[in-house]
Amino acid sequence: MFAKEIVIQNQVGLQARTATFFIQKANDYKSSIWVELGERRMNAKSLLGVLSLGIQKGMTITIGAEGSDEEKAVKDLINMLENEL
């Protein structure tokens, strides 16, 4: 298992459009990937799951993965959130 925290800097957080890009990227990996906000953990490959967290700018989330490409998946998703969205 590999996990890392990130503070969301995107103005709109992880809402419909940005969440869709995030989920598409998460589906590129074989590992099971999740997003945690506080005590809630959702499948990062599920649009409804990610949207239900209501992630907004300034919130700290944890992205974690378990599987053959777990470290690459987490690092790539964090890089995407920090630089591309």
PDB file of N, CA and C in Angstrom:
ATOM      1  N   MET A   1       0.842  -1.179   0.000  1.00  0.00           N
ATOM      2  CA  MET A   1       0.000   0.000   0.000  1.00  0.00           C
ATOM      3  C   MET A   1       0.890   1.245   0.000  1.00  0.00           C
ATOM      4  N   PHE A   2       0.495   2.237  -0.789  1.00  0.00           N
ATOM      5  CA  PHE A   2       1.207   3.503  -0.875  1.00  0.00           C
ATOM      6  C   PHE A   2       0.164   4.618  -0.816  1.00  0.00           C
ATOM      7  N   ALA A   3       0.401   5.628   0.008  1.00  0.00           N
ATOM      8  CA  ALA A   3      -0.548   6.736   0.135  1.00  0.00           C
ATOM      9  C   ALA A   3       0.205   8.032   0.383  1.00  0.00           C
ATOM     10  N   LYS A   4      -0.418   9.127  -0.040  1.00  0.00           N
ATOM     11  CA  LYS A   4       0.197  10.435   0.124  1.00  0.00           C
ATOM     12  C   LYS A   4      -0.894  11.491   0.258  1.00  0.00           C
ATOM     13  N   GLU A   5      -0.631  12.508   1.078  1.00  0.00           N
ATOM     14  CA  GLU A   5      -1.576  13.606   1.262  1.00  0.00           C
ATOM     15  C   GLU A   5      -1.293  14.732   0.280  1.00  0.00           C
ATOM     16  N   ILE A   6      -2.358  15.475  -0.038  1.00  0.00           N
ATOM     17  CA  ILE A   6      -2.239  16.653  -0.898  1.00  0.00           C
ATOM     18  C   ILE A   6      -3.283  17.667  -0.462  1.00  0.00           C
ATOM     19  N   VAL A   7      -2.905  18.947  -0.523  1.00  0.00           N
ATOM     20  CA  VAL A   7      -3.855  20.033  -0.286  1.00  0.00           C
ATOM     21  C   VAL A   7      -4.356  20.480  -1.652  1.00  0.00           C
ATOM     22  N   ILE A   8      -5.642  20.486  -1.839  1.00  0.00           N
ATOM     23  CA  ILE A   8      -6.241  20.846  -3.125  1.00  0.00           C
ATOM     24  C   ILE A   8      -6.095  22.349  -3.361  1.00  0.00           C
ATOM     25  N   GLN A   9      -5.466  22.713  -4.475  1.00  0.00           N
ATOM     26  CA  GLN A   9      -5.234  24.116  -4.819  1.00  0.00           C
ATOM     27  C   GLN A   9      -6.136  24.605  -5.952  1.00  0.00           C
ATOM     28  N   ASN A  10      -6.739  23.683  -6.669  1.00  0.00           N
ATOM     29  CA  ASN A  10      -7.617  24.036  -7.783  1.00  0.00           C
ATOM     30  C   ASN A  10      -8.782  24.882  -7.269  1.00  0.00           C
ATOM     31  N   GLN A  11      -9.098  25.965  -7.963  1.00  0.00           N
ATOM     32  CA  GLN A  11     -10.160  26.891  -7.554  1.00  0.00           C
ATOM     33  C   GLN A  11     -11.496  26.205  -7.318  1.00  0.00           C
ATOM     34  N   VAL A  12     -11.842  25.228  -8.154  1.00  0.00           N
ATOM     35  CA  VAL A  12     -13.150  24.582  -8.027  1.00  0.00           C
ATOM     36  C   VAL A  12     -13.081  23.267  -7.268  1.00  0.00           C
ATOM     37  N   GLY A  13     -11.913  22.910  -6.776  1.00  0.00           N
ATOM     38  CA  GLY A  13     -11.783  21.654  -6.047  1.00  0.00           C
ATOM     39  C   GLY A  13     -11.863  20.465  -6.992  1.00  0.00           C
ATOM     40  N   LEU A  14     -12.419  19.401  -6.503  1.00  0.00           N
ATOM     41  CA  LEU A  14     -12.564  18.190  -7.311  1.00  0.00           C
ATOM     42  C   LEU A  14     -14.054  18.003  -7.593  1.00  0.00           C
ATOM     43  N   GLN A  15     -14.586  18.877  -8.440  1.00  0.00           N
ATOM     44  CA  GLN A  15     -15.991  18.844  -8.801  1.00  0.00           C
ATOM     45  C   GLN A  15     -16.141  18.239 -10.194  1.00  0.00           C
ATOM     46  N   ALA A  16     -17.326  18.232 -10.746  1.00  0.00           N
ATOM     47  CA  ALA A  16     -17.687  17.471 -11.947  1.00  0.00           C
ATOM     48  C   ALA A  16     -16.601  17.353 -13.023  1.00  0.00           C
ATOM     49  N   ARG A  17     -16.165  18.438 -13.585  1.00  0.00           N
ATOM     50  CA  ARG A  17     -15.216  18.380 -14.700  1.00  0.00           C
ATOM     51  C   ARG A  17     -13.851  17.853 -14.251  1.00  0.00           C
ATOM     52  N   THR A  18     -13.324  18.422 -13.178  1.00  0.00           N
ATOM     53  CA  THR A  18     -12.010  18.000 -12.703  1.00  0.00           C
ATOM     54  C   THR A  18     -12.043  16.575 -12.167  1.00  0.00           C
ATOM     55  N   ALA A  19     -13.136  16.211 -11.509  1.00  0.00           N
ATOM     56  CA  ALA A  19     -13.282  14.847 -11.001  1.00  0.00           C
ATOM     57  C   ALA A  19     -13.311  13.841 -12.145  1.00  0.00           C
ATOM     58  N   THR A  20     -13.930  14.197 -13.254  1.00  0.00           N
ATOM     59  CA  THR A  20     -13.984  13.311 -14.415  1.00  0.00           C
ATOM     60  C   THR A  20     -12.585  13.041 -14.959  1.00  0.00           C
ATOM     61  N   PHE A  21     -11.770  14.087 -15.081  1.00  0.00           N
ATOM     62  CA  PHE A  21     -10.383  13.896 -15.541  1.00  0.00           C
ATOM     63  C   PHE A  21      -9.590  13.036 -14.555  1.00  0.00           C
ATOM     64  N   PHE A  22      -9.783  13.292 -13.273  1.00  0.00           N
ATOM     65  CA  PHE A  22      -9.099  12.533 -12.229  1.00  0.00           C
ATOM     66  C   PHE A  22      -9.465  11.044 -12.309  1.00  0.00           C
ATOM     67  N   ILE A  23     -10.734  10.758 -12.454  1.00  0.00           N
ATOM     68  CA  ILE A  23     -11.210   9.375 -12.506  1.00  0.00           C
ATOM     69  C   ILE A  23     -10.722   8.669 -13.771  1.00  0.00           C
ATOM     70  N   GLN A  24     -10.726   9.371 -14.884  1.00  0.00           N
ATOM     71  CA  GLN A  24     -10.204   8.783 -16.119  1.00  0.00           C
ATOM     72  C   GLN A  24      -8.742   8.387 -15.946  1.00  0.00           C
ATOM     73  N   LYS A  25      -7.957   9.242 -15.303  1.00  0.00           N
ATOM     74  CA  LYS A  25      -6.551   8.945 -15.050  1.00  0.00           C
ATOM     75  C   LYS A  25      -6.420   7.761 -14.082  1.00  0.00           C
ATOM     76  N   ALA A  26      -7.229   7.732 -13.050  1.00  0.00           N
ATOM     77  CA  ALA A  26      -7.185   6.636 -12.073  1.00  0.00           C
ATOM     78  C   ALA A  26      -7.479   5.293 -12.739  1.00  0.00           C
ATOM     79  N   ASN A  27      -8.349   5.300 -13.723  1.00  0.00           N
ATOM     80  CA  ASN A  27      -8.703   4.063 -14.422  1.00  0.00           C
ATOM     81  C   ASN A  27      -7.595   3.550 -15.336  1.00  0.00           C
ATOM     82  N   ASP A  28      -6.536   4.328 -15.522  1.00  0.00           N
ATOM     83  CA  ASP A  28      -5.390   3.881 -16.315  1.00  0.00           C
ATOM     84  C   ASP A  28      -4.524   2.876 -15.556  1.00  0.00           C
ATOM     85  N   TYR A  29      -4.754   2.717 -14.258  1.00  0.00           N
ATOM     86  CA  TYR A  29      -3.892   1.881 -13.422  1.00  0.00           C
ATOM     87  C   TYR A  29      -4.609   0.609 -12.977  1.00  0.00           C
ATOM     88  N   LYS A  30      -3.829  -0.441 -12.756  1.00  0.00           N
ATOM     89  CA  LYS A  30      -4.362  -1.725 -12.325  1.00  0.00           C
ATOM     90  C   LYS A  30      -4.698  -1.733 -10.839  1.00  0.00           C
ATOM     91  N   SER A  31      -3.983  -0.943 -10.062  1.00  0.00           N
ATOM     92  CA  SER A  31      -4.151  -0.918  -8.603  1.00  0.00           C
ATOM     93  C   SER A  31      -5.540  -0.444  -8.198  1.00  0.00           C
ATOM     94  N   SER A  32      -5.949  -0.854  -7.002  1.00  0.00           N
ATOM     95  CA  SER A  32      -7.130  -0.280  -6.369  1.00  0.00           C
ATOM     96  C   SER A  32      -6.704   1.072  -5.827  1.00  0.00           C
ATOM     97  N   ILE A  33      -7.460   2.105  -6.133  1.00  0.00           N
ATOM     98  CA  ILE A  33      -7.094   3.468  -5.741  1.00  0.00           C
ATOM     99  C   ILE A  33      -8.272   4.084  -4.999  1.00  0.00           C
ATOM    100  N   TRP A  34      -7.963   4.832  -3.941  1.00  0.00           N
ATOM    101  CA  TRP A  34      -9.010   5.482  -3.177  1.00  0.00           C
ATOM    102  C   TRP A  34      -8.605   6.911  -2.831  1.00  0.00           C
ATOM    103  N   VAL A  35      -9.629   7.675  -2.462  1.00  0.00           N
ATOM    104  CA  VAL A  35      -9.445   9.043  -1.990  1.00  0.00           C
ATOM    105  C   VAL A  35     -10.057   9.105  -0.603  1.00  0.00           C
ATOM    106  N   GLU A  36      -9.314   9.669   0.347  1.00  0.00           N
ATOM    107  CA  GLU A  36      -9.813   9.821   1.716  1.00  0.00           C
ATOM    108  C   GLU A  36      -9.936  11.290   2.070  1.00  0.00           C
ATOM    109  N   LEU A  37     -11.037  11.618   2.708  1.00  0.00           N
ATOM    110  CA  LEU A  37     -11.260  12.953   3.255  1.00  0.00           C
ATOM    111  C   LEU A  37     -11.794  12.730   4.658  1.00  0.00           C
ATOM    112  N   GLY A  38     -10.965  13.030   5.632  1.00  0.00           N
ATOM    113  CA  GLY A  38     -11.356  12.759   7.017  1.00  0.00           C
ATOM    114  C   GLY A  38     -11.508  11.256   7.218  1.00  0.00           C
ATOM    115  N   GLU A  39     -12.650  10.857   7.718  1.00  0.00           N
ATOM    116  CA  GLU A  39     -12.923   9.436   7.985  1.00  0.00           C
ATOM    117  C   GLU A  39     -13.545   8.720   6.781  1.00  0.00           C
ATOM    118  N   ARG A  40     -13.824   9.464   5.715  1.00  0.00           N
ATOM    119  CA  ARG A  40     -14.510   8.876   4.558  1.00  0.00           C
ATOM    120  C   ARG A  40     -13.500   8.461   3.499  1.00  0.00           C
ATOM    121  N   ARG A  41     -13.677   7.259   2.964  1.00  0.00           N
ATOM    122  CA  ARG A  41     -12.805   6.728   1.917  1.00  0.00           C
ATOM    123  C   ARG A  41     -13.694   6.275   0.757  1.00  0.00           C
ATOM    124  N   MET A  42     -13.352   6.764  -0.443  1.00  0.00           N
ATOM    125  CA  MET A  42     -14.128   6.417  -1.637  1.00  0.00           C
ATOM    126  C   MET A  42     -13.217   5.885  -2.733  1.00  0.00           C
ATOM    127  N   ASN A  43     -13.774   5.062  -3.577  1.00  0.00           N
ATOM    128  CA  ASN A  43     -13.074   4.518  -4.732  1.00  0.00           C
ATOM    129  C   ASN A  43     -12.756   5.661  -5.689  1.00  0.00           C
ATOM    130  N   ALA A  44     -11.474   5.825  -6.024  1.00  0.00           N
ATOM    131  CA  ALA A  44     -11.061   6.915  -6.915  1.00  0.00           C
ATOM    132  C   ALA A  44     -11.459   6.673  -8.361  1.00  0.00           C
ATOM    133  N   LYS A  45     -11.977   5.498  -8.652  1.00  0.00           N
ATOM    134  CA  LYS A  45     -12.403   5.181 -10.017  1.00  0.00           C
ATOM    135  C   LYS A  45     -13.918   5.337 -10.175  1.00  0.00           C
ATOM    136  N   SER A  46     -14.564   5.876  -9.144  1.00  0.00           N
ATOM    137  CA  SER A  46     -16.017   6.060  -9.141  1.00  0.00           C
ATOM    138  C   SER A  46     -16.364   7.544  -9.097  1.00  0.00           C
ATOM    139  N   LEU A  47     -17.027   8.035 -10.139  1.00  0.00           N
ATOM    140  CA  LEU A  47     -17.403   9.442 -10.190  1.00  0.00           C
ATOM    141  C   LEU A  47     -18.305   9.809  -9.016  1.00  0.00           C
ATOM    142  N   LEU A  48     -19.322   9.016  -8.758  1.00  0.00           N
ATOM    143  CA  LEU A  48     -20.234   9.328  -7.656  1.00  0.00           C
ATOM    144  C   LEU A  48     -19.520   9.306  -6.317  1.00  0.00           C
ATOM    145  N   GLY A  49     -18.600   8.373  -6.153  1.00  0.00           N
ATOM    146  CA  GLY A  49     -17.846   8.287  -4.908  1.00  0.00           C
ATOM    147  C   GLY A  49     -17.004   9.526  -4.672  1.00  0.00           C
ATOM    148  N   VAL A  50     -16.263   9.936  -5.687  1.00  0.00           N
ATOM    149  CA  VAL A  50     -15.397  11.113  -5.556  1.00  0.00           C
ATOM    150  C   VAL A  50     -16.235  12.376  -5.367  1.00  0.00           C
ATOM    151  N   LEU A  51     -17.288  12.526  -6.135  1.00  0.00           N
ATOM    152  CA  LEU A  51     -18.138  13.719  -6.010  1.00  0.00           C
ATOM    153  C   LEU A  51     -18.809  13.791  -4.642  1.00  0.00           C
ATOM    154  N   SER A  52     -19.149  12.632  -4.079  1.00  0.00           N
ATOM    155  CA  SER A  52     -19.840  12.619  -2.785  1.00  0.00           C
ATOM    156  C   SER A  52     -18.961  13.146  -1.654  1.00  0.00           C
ATOM    157  N   LEU A  53     -17.643  13.189  -1.854  1.00  0.00           N
ATOM    158  CA  LEU A  53     -16.751  13.734  -0.833  1.00  0.00           C
ATOM    159  C   LEU A  53     -16.818  15.252  -0.761  1.00  0.00           C
ATOM    160  N   GLY A  54     -17.261  15.900  -1.838  1.00  0.00           N
ATOM    161  CA  GLY A  54     -17.389  17.365  -1.843  1.00  0.00           C
ATOM    162  C   GLY A  54     -16.058  18.071  -1.635  1.00  0.00           C
ATOM    163  N   ILE A  55     -15.033  17.638  -2.325  1.00  0.00           N
ATOM    164  CA  ILE A  55     -13.681  18.163  -2.140  1.00  0.00           C
ATOM    165  C   ILE A  55     -13.573  19.569  -2.732  1.00  0.00           C
ATOM    166  N   GLN A  56     -13.161  20.518  -1.874  1.00  0.00           N
ATOM    167  CA  GLN A  56     -13.042  21.910  -2.282  1.00  0.00           C
ATOM    168  C   GLN A  56     -11.621  22.413  -2.067  1.00  0.00           C
ATOM    169  N   LYS A  57     -11.335  23.552  -2.660  1.00  0.00           N
ATOM    170  CA  LYS A  57     -10.009  24.176  -2.526  1.00  0.00           C
ATOM    171  C   LYS A  57      -9.644  24.332  -1.050  1.00  0.00           C
ATOM    172  N   GLY A  58      -8.391  23.991  -0.750  1.00  0.00           N
ATOM    173  CA  GLY A  58      -7.884  24.124   0.604  1.00  0.00           C
ATOM    174  C   GLY A  58      -8.030  22.876   1.461  1.00  0.00           C
ATOM    175  N   MET A  59      -8.825  21.922   1.019  1.00  0.00           N
ATOM    176  CA  MET A  59      -8.999  20.684   1.778  1.00  0.00           C
ATOM    177  C   MET A  59      -7.799  19.760   1.574  1.00  0.00           C
ATOM    178  N   THR A  60      -7.466  19.023   2.618  1.00  0.00           N
ATOM    179  CA  THR A  60      -6.394  18.045   2.536  1.00  0.00           C
ATOM    180  C   THR A  60      -7.004  16.668   2.363  1.00  0.00           C
ATOM    181  N   ILE A  61      -6.599  15.994   1.291  1.00  0.00           N
ATOM    182  CA  ILE A  61      -7.082  14.638   1.028  1.00  0.00           C
ATOM    183  C   ILE A  61      -5.885  13.693   0.984  1.00  0.00           C
ATOM    184  N   THR A  62      -6.171  12.421   1.107  1.00  0.00           N
ATOM    185  CA  THR A  62      -5.153  11.389   0.950  1.00  0.00           C
ATOM    186  C   THR A  62      -5.536  10.547  -0.251  1.00  0.00           C
ATOM    187  N   ILE A  63      -4.567  10.326  -1.120  1.00  0.00           N
ATOM    188  CA  ILE A  63      -4.759   9.416  -2.249  1.00  0.00           C
ATOM    189  C   ILE A  63      -3.911   8.193  -1.958  1.00  0.00           C
ATOM    190  N   GLY A  64      -4.540   7.039  -2.010  1.00  0.00           N
ATOM    191  CA  GLY A  64      -3.833   5.802  -1.723  1.00  0.00           C
ATOM    192  C   GLY A  64      -4.112   4.757  -2.777  1.00  0.00           C
ATOM    193  N   ALA A  65      -3.213   3.792  -2.858  1.00  0.00           N
ATOM    194  CA  ALA A  65      -3.382   2.718  -3.836  1.00  0.00           C
ATOM    195  C   ALA A  65      -2.758   1.436  -3.299  1.00  0.00           C
ATOM    196  N   GLU A  66      -3.264   0.328  -3.813  1.00  0.00           N
ATOM    197  CA  GLU A  66      -2.715  -0.970  -3.473  1.00  0.00           C
ATOM    198  C   GLU A  66      -2.749  -1.831  -4.728  1.00  0.00           C
ATOM    199  N   GLY A  67      -1.574  -2.317  -5.116  1.00  0.00           N
ATOM    200  CA  GLY A  67      -1.485  -3.148  -6.309  1.00  0.00           C
ATOM    201  C   GLY A  67      -0.126  -3.025  -6.963  1.00  0.00           C
ATOM    202  N   SER A  68      -0.024  -3.573  -8.143  1.00  0.00           N
ATOM    203  CA  SER A  68       1.264  -3.670  -8.829  1.00  0.00           C
ATOM    204  C   SER A  68       1.856  -2.323  -9.245  1.00  0.00           C
ATOM    205  N   ASP A  69       1.030  -1.324  -9.473  1.00  0.00           N
ATOM    206  CA  ASP A  69       1.527  -0.009  -9.897  1.00  0.00           C
ATOM    207  C   ASP A  69       1.104   1.093  -8.918  1.00  0.00           C
ATOM    208  N   GLU A  70       0.995   0.732  -7.641  1.00  0.00           N
ATOM    209  CA  GLU A  70       0.453   1.642  -6.627  1.00  0.00           C
ATOM    210  C   GLU A  70       1.224   2.950  -6.486  1.00  0.00           C
ATOM    211  N   GLU A  71       2.538   2.883  -6.405  1.00  0.00           N
ATOM    212  CA  GLU A  71       3.325   4.095  -6.202  1.00  0.00           C
ATOM    213  C   GLU A  71       3.235   5.026  -7.408  1.00  0.00           C
ATOM    214  N   LYS A  72       3.340   4.485  -8.597  1.00  0.00           N
ATOM    215  CA  LYS A  72       3.229   5.289  -9.819  1.00  0.00           C
ATOM    216  C   LYS A  72       1.838   5.922  -9.914  1.00  0.00           C
ATOM    217  N   ALA A  73       0.812   5.157  -9.585  1.00  0.00           N
ATOM    218  CA  ALA A  73      -0.555   5.671  -9.656  1.00  0.00           C
ATOM    219  C   ALA A  73      -0.738   6.873  -8.746  1.00  0.00           C
ATOM    220  N   VAL A  74      -0.319   6.750  -7.499  1.00  0.00           N
ATOM    221  CA  VAL A  74      -0.490   7.844  -6.540  1.00  0.00           C
ATOM    222  C   VAL A  74       0.319   9.065  -6.961  1.00  0.00           C
ATOM    223  N   LYS A  75       1.568   8.855  -7.315  1.00  0.00           N
ATOM    224  CA  LYS A  75       2.417   9.985  -7.715  1.00  0.00           C
ATOM    225  C   LYS A  75       1.879  10.685  -8.958  1.00  0.00           C
ATOM    226  N   ASP A  76       1.416   9.919  -9.943  1.00  0.00           N
ATOM    227  CA  ASP A  76       0.878  10.518 -11.169  1.00  0.00           C
ATOM    228  C   ASP A  76      -0.411  11.289 -10.898  1.00  0.00           C
ATOM    229  N   LEU A  77      -1.287  10.747 -10.056  1.00  0.00           N
ATOM    230  CA  LEU A  77      -2.540  11.432  -9.750  1.00  0.00           C
ATOM    231  C   LEU A  77      -2.285  12.720  -8.971  1.00  0.00           C
ATOM    232  N   ILE A  78      -1.354  12.684  -8.051  1.00  0.00           N
ATOM    233  CA  ILE A  78      -1.014  13.897  -7.307  1.00  0.00           C
ATOM    234  C   ILE A  78      -0.388  14.929  -8.236  1.00  0.00           C
ATOM    235  N   ASN A  79       0.495  14.488  -9.110  1.00  0.00           N
ATOM    236  CA  ASN A  79       1.098  15.393 -10.081  1.00  0.00           C
ATOM    237  C   ASN A  79       0.020  16.042 -10.950  1.00  0.00           C
ATOM    238  N   MET A  80      -0.945  15.264 -11.366  1.00  0.00           N
ATOM    239  CA  MET A  80      -2.045  15.788 -12.183  1.00  0.00           C
ATOM    240  C   MET A  80      -2.818  16.856 -11.408  1.00  0.00           C
ATOM    241  N   LEU A  81      -3.121  16.598 -10.148  1.00  0.00           N
ATOM    242  CA  LEU A  81      -3.880  17.567  -9.352  1.00  0.00           C
ATOM    243  C   LEU A  81      -3.070  18.839  -9.104  1.00  0.00           C
ATOM    244  N   GLU A  82      -1.782  18.707  -8.922  1.00  0.00           N
ATOM    245  CA  GLU A  82      -0.928  19.863  -8.637  1.00  0.00           C
ATOM    246  C   GLU A  82      -0.623  20.701  -9.869  1.00  0.00           C
ATOM    247  N   ASN A  83      -0.540  20.076 -11.022  1.00  0.00           N
ATOM    248  CA  ASN A  83      -0.029  20.787 -12.186  1.00  0.00           C
ATOM    249  C   ASN A  83      -0.973  20.927 -13.369  1.00  0.00           C
ATOM    250  N   GLU A  84      -1.848  19.983 -13.575  1.00  0.00           N
ATOM    251  CA  GLU A  84      -2.614  19.966 -14.820  1.00  0.00           C
ATOM    252  C   GLU A  84      -4.050  20.451 -14.685  1.00  0.00           C
ATOM    253  N   LEU A  85      -4.601  20.409 -13.491  1.00  0.00           N
ATOM    254  CA  LEU A  85      -6.010  20.796 -13.359  1.00  0.00           C
ATOM    255  C   LEU A  85      -6.141  22.239 -12.960  1.00  0.00           C
TER     256      LEU A  85
END
